């Protein structure tokens, strides 16, 4: 499976958002974009195209998608009825890897993608290893019983103990390391700084 091997800290600094918990301290020390122009305040004012591009790159990297994958999600959002930007965010949130991250079963989307691809998650009673699966209301997610006994998930179980509903469209049962999809994610459920309209404009050029 293709993946971006660029340093997550470097990508975080480039997009000015922590894409992984490990990047937070690095960004605090170097709160500027990588390259010669970073410490001196950056380059000249960005064009509208550049602003759209940077927003697209930021969100693409935030959710851990490659260019073709992200373009397909945008295309699907454009085909569906409704506000395209809202549908785009909804589709990104409905991904299996994002749900695993939102539930606290992984510390980052990158880690969540690994959890899924390594086959630690079951969907509706069946083992899955595809991070891009789009979840729908009624779906049930659970950590495989065999996997739940390893040290990683024992630690996760301790960390999420007492959490029941941190995400409105996902109902978590910490004791069982399981969750049920109770609805669809709404735009207001996403707290990250995202301007989806810029992304739609970028692909509409």
N, C-alpha and C. Protein backbone atom coordinates (compact mmCIF):
# COMPACT_ATOMS: atom_id res chain seq x y z
N UNK A 1 0.84 -1.19 0.00
CA UNK A 1 0.00 0.00 0.00
C UNK A 1 0.87 1.25 0.00
N UNK A 2 0.64 2.16 -0.92
CA UNK A 2 1.42 3.38 -1.02
C UNK A 2 1.16 4.28 0.19
N UNK A 3 2.22 4.98 0.61
CA UNK A 3 2.07 5.90 1.73
C UNK A 3 3.12 6.98 1.64
N UNK A 4 2.85 8.09 2.30
CA UNK A 4 3.77 9.22 2.30
C UNK A 4 4.83 8.99 3.37
N UNK A 5 6.10 8.92 2.96
CA UNK A 5 7.19 8.64 3.89
C UNK A 5 7.86 9.90 4.43
N UNK A 6 7.34 11.07 4.05
CA UNK A 6 7.90 12.33 4.56
C UNK A 6 7.69 12.41 6.07
N UNK A 7 8.66 12.98 6.78
CA UNK A 7 8.55 13.14 8.22
C UNK A 7 7.23 13.80 8.62
N UNK A 8 6.53 13.19 9.58
CA UNK A 8 5.24 13.74 10.02
C UNK A 8 5.43 15.11 10.66
N UNK A 9 6.58 15.33 11.29
CA UNK A 9 6.86 16.64 11.89
C UNK A 9 7.03 17.70 10.80
N UNK A 10 7.73 17.34 9.74
CA UNK A 10 7.94 18.28 8.64
C UNK A 10 6.62 18.61 7.95
N UNK A 11 5.78 17.59 7.74
CA UNK A 11 4.47 17.83 7.12
C UNK A 11 3.61 18.70 8.03
N UNK A 12 3.70 18.47 9.33
CA UNK A 12 2.91 19.26 10.29
C UNK A 12 3.32 20.73 10.25
N UNK A 13 4.63 20.96 10.20
CA UNK A 13 5.11 22.34 10.13
C UNK A 13 4.71 22.99 8.81
N UNK A 14 4.72 22.21 7.74
CA UNK A 14 4.36 22.76 6.43
C UNK A 14 2.89 23.17 6.40
N UNK A 15 2.02 22.36 7.03
CA UNK A 15 0.59 22.65 7.00
C UNK A 15 0.11 23.42 8.22
N UNK A 16 1.03 23.68 9.17
CA UNK A 16 0.73 24.46 10.37
C UNK A 16 -0.37 23.82 11.21
N UNK A 17 -0.36 22.50 11.26
CA UNK A 17 -1.29 21.75 12.11
C UNK A 17 -0.61 20.46 12.53
N UNK A 18 -0.76 20.08 13.80
CA UNK A 18 -0.12 18.86 14.30
C UNK A 18 -0.83 17.64 13.73
N UNK A 19 -0.18 16.92 12.86
CA UNK A 19 -0.76 15.74 12.22
C UNK A 19 -0.56 14.49 13.07
N UNK A 20 0.21 14.61 14.15
CA UNK A 20 0.48 13.50 15.05
C UNK A 20 0.88 14.10 16.39
N UNK A 21 0.52 13.46 17.51
CA UNK A 21 0.92 14.01 18.82
C UNK A 21 2.41 14.31 18.95
N UNK A 22 3.26 13.51 18.27
CA UNK A 22 4.69 13.71 18.34
C UNK A 22 5.12 15.04 17.73
N UNK A 23 4.28 15.59 16.87
CA UNK A 23 4.65 16.83 16.17
C UNK A 23 4.40 18.08 17.01
N UNK A 24 3.64 17.96 18.09
CA UNK A 24 3.25 19.13 18.88
C UNK A 24 4.47 19.84 19.47
N UNK A 25 5.37 19.08 20.11
CA UNK A 25 6.55 19.69 20.73
C UNK A 25 7.47 20.30 19.69
N UNK A 26 7.62 19.62 18.57
CA UNK A 26 8.50 20.12 17.51
C UNK A 26 7.96 21.42 16.94
N UNK A 27 6.63 21.48 16.76
CA UNK A 27 6.03 22.70 16.23
C UNK A 27 6.14 23.86 17.21
N UNK A 28 6.12 23.54 18.51
CA UNK A 28 6.28 24.58 19.52
C UNK A 28 7.68 25.19 19.46
N UNK A 29 8.68 24.36 19.16
CA UNK A 29 10.06 24.83 19.07
C UNK A 29 10.32 25.55 17.76
N UNK A 30 9.67 25.05 16.68
CA UNK A 30 9.89 25.63 15.36
C UNK A 30 8.54 25.94 14.70
N UNK A 31 7.86 26.99 15.15
CA UNK A 31 6.52 27.32 14.65
C UNK A 31 6.52 28.04 13.30
N UNK A 32 7.33 27.54 12.39
CA UNK A 32 7.39 28.12 11.05
C UNK A 32 7.54 26.99 10.05
N UNK A 33 7.25 27.30 8.79
CA UNK A 33 7.31 26.27 7.77
C UNK A 33 8.75 25.87 7.49
N UNK A 34 8.99 24.62 7.11
CA UNK A 34 10.37 24.18 6.84
C UNK A 34 10.95 24.89 5.63
N UNK A 35 12.26 25.06 5.61
CA UNK A 35 12.90 25.73 4.48
C UNK A 35 13.57 27.01 4.92
N UNK A 36 14.30 27.61 4.01
CA UNK A 36 15.07 28.82 4.33
C UNK A 36 14.21 30.00 4.72
N UNK A 37 12.99 30.06 4.25
CA UNK A 37 12.16 31.24 4.49
C UNK A 37 11.40 31.16 5.80
N UNK A 38 11.38 29.97 6.43
CA UNK A 38 10.56 29.78 7.63
C UNK A 38 10.83 30.76 8.75
N UNK A 39 12.02 30.79 9.33
CA UNK A 39 12.30 31.62 10.49
C UNK A 39 12.13 33.12 10.25
N UNK A 40 12.21 33.57 9.02
CA UNK A 40 12.12 35.00 8.73
C UNK A 40 10.71 35.44 8.39
N UNK A 41 9.75 34.55 8.56
CA UNK A 41 8.37 34.97 8.36
C UNK A 41 7.71 34.47 7.11
N UNK A 42 8.41 33.69 6.29
CA UNK A 42 7.77 33.11 5.12
C UNK A 42 7.86 33.98 3.90
N UNK A 43 7.21 33.52 2.86
CA UNK A 43 7.31 34.21 1.58
C UNK A 43 6.24 35.28 1.44
N UNK A 44 6.14 35.82 0.24
CA UNK A 44 5.16 36.87 -0.03
C UNK A 44 3.75 36.32 0.12
N UNK A 45 2.77 37.22 0.13
CA UNK A 45 1.37 36.84 0.28
C UNK A 45 0.98 35.81 -0.77
N UNK A 46 0.27 34.77 -0.33
CA UNK A 46 -0.11 33.68 -1.23
C UNK A 46 -1.23 34.11 -2.18
N UNK A 47 -1.18 33.57 -3.38
CA UNK A 47 -2.26 33.80 -4.34
C UNK A 47 -3.47 32.98 -3.90
N UNK A 48 -4.64 33.23 -4.49
CA UNK A 48 -5.83 32.47 -4.14
C UNK A 48 -5.65 30.99 -4.46
N UNK A 49 -4.99 30.71 -5.57
CA UNK A 49 -4.72 29.31 -5.93
C UNK A 49 -3.86 28.64 -4.86
N UNK A 50 -2.83 29.36 -4.40
CA UNK A 50 -1.94 28.80 -3.39
C UNK A 50 -2.67 28.56 -2.07
N UNK A 51 -3.58 29.46 -1.72
CA UNK A 51 -4.38 29.30 -0.50
C UNK A 51 -5.23 28.04 -0.60
N UNK A 52 -5.87 27.85 -1.76
CA UNK A 52 -6.69 26.66 -1.99
C UNK A 52 -5.85 25.39 -1.94
N UNK A 53 -4.68 25.45 -2.57
CA UNK A 53 -3.78 24.30 -2.59
C UNK A 53 -3.33 23.92 -1.18
N UNK A 54 -2.95 24.91 -0.39
CA UNK A 54 -2.47 24.62 0.96
C UNK A 54 -3.59 24.01 1.82
N UNK A 55 -4.82 24.49 1.64
CA UNK A 55 -5.92 23.92 2.41
C UNK A 55 -6.18 22.47 2.00
N UNK A 56 -6.12 22.22 0.70
CA UNK A 56 -6.30 20.86 0.20
C UNK A 56 -5.21 19.94 0.74
N UNK A 57 -3.97 20.39 0.69
CA UNK A 57 -2.86 19.60 1.18
C UNK A 57 -2.99 19.34 2.69
N UNK A 58 -3.39 20.36 3.42
CA UNK A 58 -3.54 20.23 4.87
C UNK A 58 -4.56 19.15 5.23
N UNK A 59 -5.73 19.22 4.63
CA UNK A 59 -6.80 18.28 4.97
C UNK A 59 -6.47 16.88 4.46
N UNK A 60 -5.87 16.80 3.28
CA UNK A 60 -5.46 15.51 2.73
C UNK A 60 -4.49 14.82 3.69
N UNK A 61 -3.53 15.58 4.19
CA UNK A 61 -2.54 15.01 5.09
C UNK A 61 -3.11 14.78 6.48
N UNK A 62 -4.06 15.61 6.88
CA UNK A 62 -4.71 15.45 8.18
C UNK A 62 -5.39 14.08 8.27
N UNK A 63 -6.06 13.70 7.17
CA UNK A 63 -6.77 12.42 7.15
C UNK A 63 -5.90 11.28 6.60
N UNK A 64 -4.67 11.60 6.21
CA UNK A 64 -3.73 10.56 5.81
C UNK A 64 -4.00 9.96 4.44
N UNK A 65 -4.51 10.74 3.50
CA UNK A 65 -4.81 10.23 2.17
C UNK A 65 -3.75 10.69 1.17
N UNK A 66 -3.56 9.88 0.13
CA UNK A 66 -2.72 10.28 -0.99
C UNK A 66 -3.58 11.07 -1.98
N UNK A 67 -2.94 11.69 -2.95
CA UNK A 67 -3.65 12.60 -3.86
C UNK A 67 -4.81 11.93 -4.59
N UNK A 68 -4.57 10.76 -5.19
CA UNK A 68 -5.64 10.10 -5.94
C UNK A 68 -6.79 9.69 -5.03
N UNK A 69 -6.46 9.24 -3.83
CA UNK A 69 -7.50 8.85 -2.87
C UNK A 69 -8.35 10.06 -2.50
N UNK A 70 -7.68 11.17 -2.22
CA UNK A 70 -8.41 12.38 -1.81
C UNK A 70 -9.28 12.90 -2.94
N UNK A 71 -8.74 12.88 -4.16
CA UNK A 71 -9.51 13.35 -5.32
C UNK A 71 -10.76 12.50 -5.53
N UNK A 72 -10.65 11.19 -5.27
CA UNK A 72 -11.81 10.32 -5.40
C UNK A 72 -12.89 10.67 -4.38
N UNK A 73 -12.48 11.00 -3.17
CA UNK A 73 -13.45 11.38 -2.13
C UNK A 73 -14.14 12.69 -2.52
N UNK A 74 -13.37 13.64 -3.03
CA UNK A 74 -13.96 14.91 -3.49
C UNK A 74 -14.94 14.64 -4.63
N UNK A 75 -14.56 13.78 -5.57
CA UNK A 75 -15.43 13.45 -6.68
C UNK A 75 -16.74 12.82 -6.21
N UNK A 76 -16.65 11.94 -5.21
CA UNK A 76 -17.85 11.31 -4.65
C UNK A 76 -18.73 12.35 -3.98
N UNK A 77 -18.12 13.29 -3.27
CA UNK A 77 -18.87 14.35 -2.60
C UNK A 77 -19.60 15.22 -3.63
N UNK A 78 -18.96 15.47 -4.76
CA UNK A 78 -19.57 16.30 -5.81
C UNK A 78 -20.75 15.58 -6.47
N UNK A 79 -20.69 14.25 -6.52
CA UNK A 79 -21.77 13.49 -7.16
C UNK A 79 -23.02 13.39 -6.29
N UNK A 80 -22.85 13.50 -4.99
CA UNK A 80 -23.98 13.34 -4.09
C UNK A 80 -24.79 14.63 -3.96
N UNK A 81 -26.05 14.49 -3.66
CA UNK A 81 -26.92 15.65 -3.47
C UNK A 81 -26.64 16.29 -2.11
N UNK A 82 -26.69 17.60 -2.08
CA UNK A 82 -26.45 18.33 -0.83
C UNK A 82 -25.29 19.30 -0.98
N UNK A 83 -24.88 19.87 0.15
CA UNK A 83 -23.76 20.81 0.16
C UNK A 83 -22.46 20.02 0.03
N UNK A 84 -21.75 20.23 -1.06
CA UNK A 84 -20.57 19.42 -1.38
C UNK A 84 -19.52 19.44 -0.28
N UNK A 85 -19.25 20.62 0.28
CA UNK A 85 -18.25 20.72 1.33
C UNK A 85 -18.62 19.91 2.56
N UNK A 86 -19.88 19.99 2.95
CA UNK A 86 -20.34 19.22 4.13
C UNK A 86 -20.24 17.73 3.86
N UNK A 87 -20.60 17.31 2.66
CA UNK A 87 -20.55 15.89 2.30
C UNK A 87 -19.11 15.40 2.28
N UNK A 88 -18.19 16.24 1.80
CA UNK A 88 -16.77 15.89 1.79
C UNK A 88 -16.28 15.58 3.20
N UNK A 89 -16.58 16.47 4.13
CA UNK A 89 -16.16 16.26 5.52
C UNK A 89 -16.81 15.01 6.10
N UNK A 90 -18.08 14.81 5.76
CA UNK A 90 -18.79 13.63 6.25
C UNK A 90 -18.14 12.34 5.77
N UNK A 91 -17.78 12.29 4.49
CA UNK A 91 -17.14 11.09 3.93
C UNK A 91 -15.78 10.83 4.56
N UNK A 92 -15.03 11.89 4.82
CA UNK A 92 -13.72 11.73 5.46
C UNK A 92 -13.88 11.21 6.89
N UNK A 93 -14.89 11.72 7.58
CA UNK A 93 -15.13 11.29 8.95
C UNK A 93 -15.63 9.86 9.03
N UNK A 94 -16.36 9.42 8.01
CA UNK A 94 -16.94 8.08 8.03
C UNK A 94 -15.93 6.97 7.73
N UNK A 95 -14.72 7.33 7.35
CA UNK A 95 -13.70 6.31 7.08
C UNK A 95 -13.43 5.48 8.34
N UNK A 96 -13.16 4.22 8.14
CA UNK A 96 -12.88 3.32 9.26
C UNK A 96 -11.72 3.81 10.11
N UNK A 97 -10.60 4.20 9.45
CA UNK A 97 -9.44 4.63 10.23
C UNK A 97 -9.73 5.87 11.06
N UNK A 98 -10.52 6.80 10.51
CA UNK A 98 -10.87 7.99 11.27
C UNK A 98 -11.74 7.65 12.47
N UNK A 99 -12.69 6.72 12.29
CA UNK A 99 -13.57 6.32 13.40
C UNK A 99 -12.75 5.68 14.52
N UNK A 100 -11.80 4.83 14.16
CA UNK A 100 -10.94 4.19 15.16
C UNK A 100 -10.17 5.25 15.94
N UNK A 101 -9.71 6.28 15.25
CA UNK A 101 -9.01 7.39 15.90
C UNK A 101 -9.96 8.18 16.79
N UNK A 102 -11.13 8.52 16.28
CA UNK A 102 -12.10 9.30 17.05
C UNK A 102 -12.53 8.58 18.32
N UNK A 103 -12.59 7.27 18.27
CA UNK A 103 -13.01 6.47 19.42
C UNK A 103 -11.92 6.36 20.49
N UNK A 104 -10.70 6.79 20.14
CA UNK A 104 -9.60 6.70 21.09
C UNK A 104 -8.90 5.37 21.07
N UNK A 105 -9.16 4.57 20.03
CA UNK A 105 -8.51 3.26 19.92
C UNK A 105 -7.11 3.38 19.31
N UNK A 106 -6.72 4.59 18.95
CA UNK A 106 -5.38 4.87 18.41
C UNK A 106 -5.09 6.34 18.70
N UNK A 107 -3.82 6.70 18.94
CA UNK A 107 -3.48 8.08 19.28
C UNK A 107 -3.47 9.04 18.10
N UNK A 108 -3.50 8.52 16.88
CA UNK A 108 -3.48 9.36 15.69
C UNK A 108 -4.15 8.61 14.55
N UNK A 109 -4.49 9.32 13.48
CA UNK A 109 -5.08 8.64 12.33
C UNK A 109 -4.06 7.71 11.68
N UNK A 110 -2.80 8.11 11.71
CA UNK A 110 -1.75 7.26 11.16
C UNK A 110 -1.69 5.93 11.91
N UNK A 111 -1.75 6.00 13.24
CA UNK A 111 -1.73 4.79 14.05
C UNK A 111 -3.02 3.99 13.83
N UNK A 112 -4.14 4.69 13.68
CA UNK A 112 -5.42 4.02 13.46
C UNK A 112 -5.40 3.24 12.15
N UNK A 113 -4.76 3.81 11.14
CA UNK A 113 -4.66 3.13 9.85
C UNK A 113 -3.86 1.82 10.00
N UNK A 114 -2.82 1.86 10.81
CA UNK A 114 -2.03 0.65 11.06
C UNK A 114 -2.84 -0.39 11.83
N UNK A 115 -3.61 0.07 12.80
CA UNK A 115 -4.45 -0.84 13.58
C UNK A 115 -5.41 -1.59 12.66
N UNK A 116 -5.99 -0.85 11.71
CA UNK A 116 -6.95 -1.48 10.79
C UNK A 116 -6.24 -2.40 9.81
N UNK A 117 -5.17 -1.93 9.18
CA UNK A 117 -4.49 -2.74 8.16
C UNK A 117 -3.87 -4.01 8.74
N UNK A 118 -3.55 -3.99 10.02
CA UNK A 118 -2.99 -5.18 10.67
C UNK A 118 -4.08 -6.16 11.12
N UNK A 119 -5.32 -5.83 10.83
CA UNK A 119 -6.41 -6.76 11.08
C UNK A 119 -6.89 -6.85 12.52
N UNK A 120 -6.69 -5.78 13.30
CA UNK A 120 -7.09 -5.80 14.70
C UNK A 120 -8.57 -5.44 14.91
N UNK A 121 -9.24 -4.99 13.86
CA UNK A 121 -10.61 -4.51 13.98
C UNK A 121 -11.59 -5.43 13.25
N UNK A 122 -12.76 -5.61 13.87
CA UNK A 122 -13.84 -6.36 13.24
C UNK A 122 -15.01 -5.41 12.97
N UNK A 123 -15.62 -5.57 11.82
CA UNK A 123 -16.78 -4.77 11.45
C UNK A 123 -17.95 -5.70 11.23
N UNK A 124 -18.99 -5.53 12.04
CA UNK A 124 -20.19 -6.39 11.96
C UNK A 124 -19.83 -7.87 12.02
N UNK A 125 -18.87 -8.18 12.90
CA UNK A 125 -18.52 -9.57 13.14
C UNK A 125 -17.47 -10.14 12.21
N UNK A 126 -16.99 -9.35 11.25
CA UNK A 126 -15.99 -9.83 10.29
C UNK A 126 -14.71 -9.01 10.40
N UNK A 127 -13.58 -9.70 10.35
CA UNK A 127 -12.29 -9.03 10.39
C UNK A 127 -12.10 -8.20 9.12
N UNK A 128 -11.63 -6.96 9.28
CA UNK A 128 -11.40 -6.08 8.13
C UNK A 128 -9.97 -5.53 8.20
N UNK A 129 -9.43 -5.16 7.05
CA UNK A 129 -8.09 -4.58 7.01
C UNK A 129 -8.01 -3.45 5.98
N UNK A 130 -9.16 -2.82 5.71
CA UNK A 130 -9.21 -1.73 4.74
C UNK A 130 -9.58 -0.43 5.45
N UNK A 131 -8.63 0.49 5.63
CA UNK A 131 -8.89 1.73 6.37
C UNK A 131 -9.93 2.65 5.73
N UNK A 132 -10.12 2.52 4.41
CA UNK A 132 -11.00 3.44 3.69
C UNK A 132 -12.47 3.03 3.69
N UNK A 133 -12.81 1.93 4.35
CA UNK A 133 -14.21 1.52 4.43
C UNK A 133 -15.06 2.67 4.97
N UNK A 134 -16.17 2.96 4.30
CA UNK A 134 -17.08 4.01 4.75
C UNK A 134 -18.14 3.39 5.65
N UNK A 135 -18.17 3.83 6.89
CA UNK A 135 -19.12 3.29 7.85
C UNK A 135 -20.50 3.89 7.65
N UNK A 136 -21.51 3.15 8.06
CA UNK A 136 -22.89 3.63 7.95
C UNK A 136 -23.63 3.35 9.25
N UNK A 137 -24.73 4.06 9.51
CA UNK A 137 -25.48 3.84 10.75
C UNK A 137 -25.85 2.37 10.92
N UNK A 138 -25.68 1.88 12.13
CA UNK A 138 -25.98 0.48 12.42
C UNK A 138 -24.75 -0.40 12.44
N UNK A 139 -23.66 0.05 11.85
CA UNK A 139 -22.42 -0.74 11.84
C UNK A 139 -21.87 -0.88 13.26
N UNK A 140 -21.25 -2.01 13.53
CA UNK A 140 -20.63 -2.26 14.83
C UNK A 140 -19.13 -2.53 14.65
N UNK A 141 -18.34 -1.82 15.42
CA UNK A 141 -16.88 -1.95 15.38
C UNK A 141 -16.43 -2.56 16.70
N UNK A 142 -15.51 -3.49 16.64
CA UNK A 142 -14.96 -4.07 17.87
C UNK A 142 -13.52 -4.52 17.62
N UNK A 143 -12.69 -4.37 18.64
CA UNK A 143 -11.33 -4.88 18.56
C UNK A 143 -11.41 -6.41 18.65
N UNK A 144 -10.71 -7.09 17.75
CA UNK A 144 -10.73 -8.56 17.76
C UNK A 144 -10.38 -9.09 19.15
N UNK A 145 -11.14 -10.07 19.63
CA UNK A 145 -10.85 -10.64 20.95
C UNK A 145 -9.39 -11.06 21.11
N UNK A 146 -8.81 -11.64 20.07
CA UNK A 146 -7.42 -12.07 20.13
C UNK A 146 -6.48 -10.88 20.30
N UNK A 147 -6.81 -9.77 19.64
CA UNK A 147 -5.98 -8.57 19.72
C UNK A 147 -6.17 -7.83 21.03
N UNK A 148 -7.37 -7.90 21.59
CA UNK A 148 -7.68 -7.16 22.81
C UNK A 148 -6.78 -7.55 23.97
N UNK A 149 -6.17 -8.73 23.91
CA UNK A 149 -5.31 -9.20 24.99
C UNK A 149 -3.88 -8.71 24.91
N UNK A 150 -3.51 -8.05 23.81
CA UNK A 150 -2.12 -7.59 23.73
C UNK A 150 -1.92 -6.30 24.51
N UNK A 151 -0.67 -5.97 24.80
CA UNK A 151 -0.36 -4.84 25.68
C UNK A 151 -0.87 -3.51 25.14
N UNK A 152 -0.81 -3.34 23.83
CA UNK A 152 -1.27 -2.08 23.23
C UNK A 152 -2.73 -1.82 23.59
N UNK A 153 -3.59 -2.79 23.36
CA UNK A 153 -5.01 -2.57 23.61
C UNK A 153 -5.36 -2.61 25.09
N UNK A 154 -4.55 -3.28 25.91
CA UNK A 154 -4.76 -3.22 27.35
C UNK A 154 -4.54 -1.78 27.83
N UNK A 155 -3.50 -1.13 27.28
CA UNK A 155 -3.23 0.26 27.64
C UNK A 155 -4.33 1.18 27.13
N UNK A 156 -4.78 0.93 25.90
CA UNK A 156 -5.86 1.73 25.33
C UNK A 156 -7.12 1.60 26.19
N UNK A 157 -7.42 0.37 26.64
CA UNK A 157 -8.61 0.13 27.46
C UNK A 157 -8.55 0.95 28.74
N UNK A 158 -7.36 1.07 29.33
CA UNK A 158 -7.21 1.88 30.54
C UNK A 158 -7.42 3.36 30.24
N UNK A 159 -6.90 3.81 29.09
CA UNK A 159 -6.98 5.22 28.73
C UNK A 159 -8.40 5.67 28.44
N UNK A 160 -9.21 4.79 27.85
CA UNK A 160 -10.57 5.20 27.47
C UNK A 160 -11.61 4.77 28.50
N UNK A 161 -11.16 4.16 29.60
CA UNK A 161 -12.10 3.74 30.64
C UNK A 161 -12.92 4.94 31.12
N UNK A 162 -14.23 4.80 31.14
CA UNK A 162 -15.09 5.89 31.57
C UNK A 162 -15.59 6.75 30.42
N UNK A 163 -14.92 6.68 29.26
CA UNK A 163 -15.42 7.40 28.08
C UNK A 163 -16.59 6.63 27.47
N UNK A 164 -17.66 7.33 27.15
CA UNK A 164 -18.81 6.63 26.58
C UNK A 164 -19.29 7.24 25.27
N UNK A 165 -19.18 8.55 25.13
CA UNK A 165 -19.75 9.15 23.93
C UNK A 165 -19.02 10.44 23.56
N UNK A 166 -17.73 10.33 23.28
CA UNK A 166 -16.95 11.52 22.94
C UNK A 166 -17.27 12.03 21.54
N UNK A 167 -17.83 11.17 20.70
CA UNK A 167 -18.23 11.55 19.34
C UNK A 167 -19.72 11.24 19.19
N UNK A 168 -20.50 12.21 18.77
CA UNK A 168 -21.95 12.06 18.79
C UNK A 168 -22.47 10.93 17.92
N UNK A 169 -21.81 10.65 16.80
CA UNK A 169 -22.33 9.64 15.88
C UNK A 169 -21.75 8.25 16.14
N UNK A 170 -20.92 8.14 17.18
CA UNK A 170 -20.34 6.86 17.57
C UNK A 170 -20.63 6.60 19.05
N UNK A 171 -21.16 5.44 19.36
CA UNK A 171 -21.45 5.09 20.75
C UNK A 171 -20.42 4.05 21.21
N UNK A 172 -19.57 4.46 22.13
CA UNK A 172 -18.45 3.64 22.58
C UNK A 172 -18.79 2.84 23.83
N UNK A 173 -18.38 1.59 23.84
CA UNK A 173 -18.46 0.74 25.04
C UNK A 173 -17.04 0.38 25.42
N UNK A 174 -16.41 1.17 26.32
CA UNK A 174 -14.99 0.98 26.63
C UNK A 174 -14.63 -0.41 27.12
N UNK A 175 -15.47 -0.99 27.97
CA UNK A 175 -15.15 -2.29 28.55
C UNK A 175 -15.00 -3.38 27.50
N UNK A 176 -15.71 -3.22 26.39
CA UNK A 176 -15.67 -4.23 25.34
C UNK A 176 -14.79 -3.80 24.16
N UNK A 177 -14.21 -2.59 24.26
CA UNK A 177 -13.44 -2.03 23.14
C UNK A 177 -14.26 -2.12 21.86
N UNK A 178 -15.51 -1.68 21.96
CA UNK A 178 -16.42 -1.76 20.83
C UNK A 178 -17.20 -0.46 20.71
N UNK A 179 -17.83 -0.28 19.56
CA UNK A 179 -18.64 0.92 19.33
C UNK A 179 -19.68 0.63 18.27
N UNK A 180 -20.73 1.41 18.29
CA UNK A 180 -21.77 1.30 17.28
C UNK A 180 -21.94 2.65 16.59
N UNK A 181 -22.13 2.61 15.28
CA UNK A 181 -22.38 3.83 14.51
C UNK A 181 -23.86 4.16 14.66
N UNK A 182 -24.14 5.25 15.35
CA UNK A 182 -25.53 5.60 15.66
C UNK A 182 -26.13 6.63 14.71
N UNK A 183 -25.31 7.20 13.85
CA UNK A 183 -25.81 8.21 12.93
C UNK A 183 -24.73 8.60 11.94
N UNK A 184 -24.88 9.78 11.37
CA UNK A 184 -23.89 10.29 10.42
C UNK A 184 -23.18 11.50 11.04
N UNK A 185 -21.90 11.66 10.79
CA UNK A 185 -21.19 12.83 11.32
C UNK A 185 -21.72 14.12 10.70
N UNK A 186 -21.88 15.13 11.52
CA UNK A 186 -22.31 16.44 11.04
C UNK A 186 -21.12 17.38 10.98
N UNK A 187 -21.24 18.43 10.20
CA UNK A 187 -20.13 19.37 10.04
C UNK A 187 -19.69 19.93 11.39
N UNK A 188 -20.63 20.20 12.27
CA UNK A 188 -20.28 20.80 13.56
C UNK A 188 -19.57 19.82 14.49
N UNK A 189 -19.56 18.55 14.14
CA UNK A 189 -18.85 17.55 14.96
C UNK A 189 -17.33 17.64 14.76
N UNK A 190 -16.92 18.28 13.69
CA UNK A 190 -15.48 18.36 13.37
C UNK A 190 -14.93 19.68 13.90
N UNK A 191 -14.04 19.57 14.86
CA UNK A 191 -13.53 20.77 15.53
C UNK A 191 -12.25 21.31 14.90
N UNK A 192 -11.59 20.52 14.05
CA UNK A 192 -10.36 20.99 13.40
C UNK A 192 -10.65 22.19 12.50
N UNK A 193 -9.63 23.02 12.34
CA UNK A 193 -9.76 24.21 11.50
C UNK A 193 -9.68 23.80 10.03
N UNK A 194 -10.84 23.66 9.41
CA UNK A 194 -10.91 23.23 8.01
C UNK A 194 -11.83 24.18 7.24
N UNK A 195 -11.36 24.65 6.09
CA UNK A 195 -12.19 25.45 5.20
C UNK A 195 -12.44 24.62 3.94
N UNK A 196 -13.48 23.80 4.00
CA UNK A 196 -13.75 22.86 2.91
C UNK A 196 -14.11 23.56 1.60
N UNK A 197 -14.63 24.80 1.68
CA UNK A 197 -15.00 25.51 0.47
C UNK A 197 -13.77 25.78 -0.40
N UNK A 198 -12.63 26.05 0.22
CA UNK A 198 -11.41 26.27 -0.54
C UNK A 198 -11.02 25.02 -1.31
N UNK A 199 -11.26 23.85 -0.71
CA UNK A 199 -10.93 22.58 -1.37
C UNK A 199 -11.83 22.36 -2.58
N UNK A 200 -13.12 22.62 -2.42
CA UNK A 200 -14.06 22.47 -3.53
C UNK A 200 -13.69 23.42 -4.65
N UNK A 201 -13.31 24.63 -4.31
CA UNK A 201 -12.91 25.62 -5.32
C UNK A 201 -11.65 25.15 -6.05
N UNK A 202 -10.73 24.54 -5.33
CA UNK A 202 -9.49 24.05 -5.95
C UNK A 202 -9.81 23.02 -7.03
N UNK A 203 -10.70 22.08 -6.73
CA UNK A 203 -11.02 21.03 -7.69
C UNK A 203 -12.02 21.47 -8.75
N UNK A 204 -12.57 22.67 -8.59
CA UNK A 204 -13.54 23.19 -9.56
C UNK A 204 -12.87 24.09 -10.60
N UNK A 205 -11.56 24.26 -10.50
CA UNK A 205 -10.87 25.15 -11.43
C UNK A 205 -11.00 24.65 -12.87
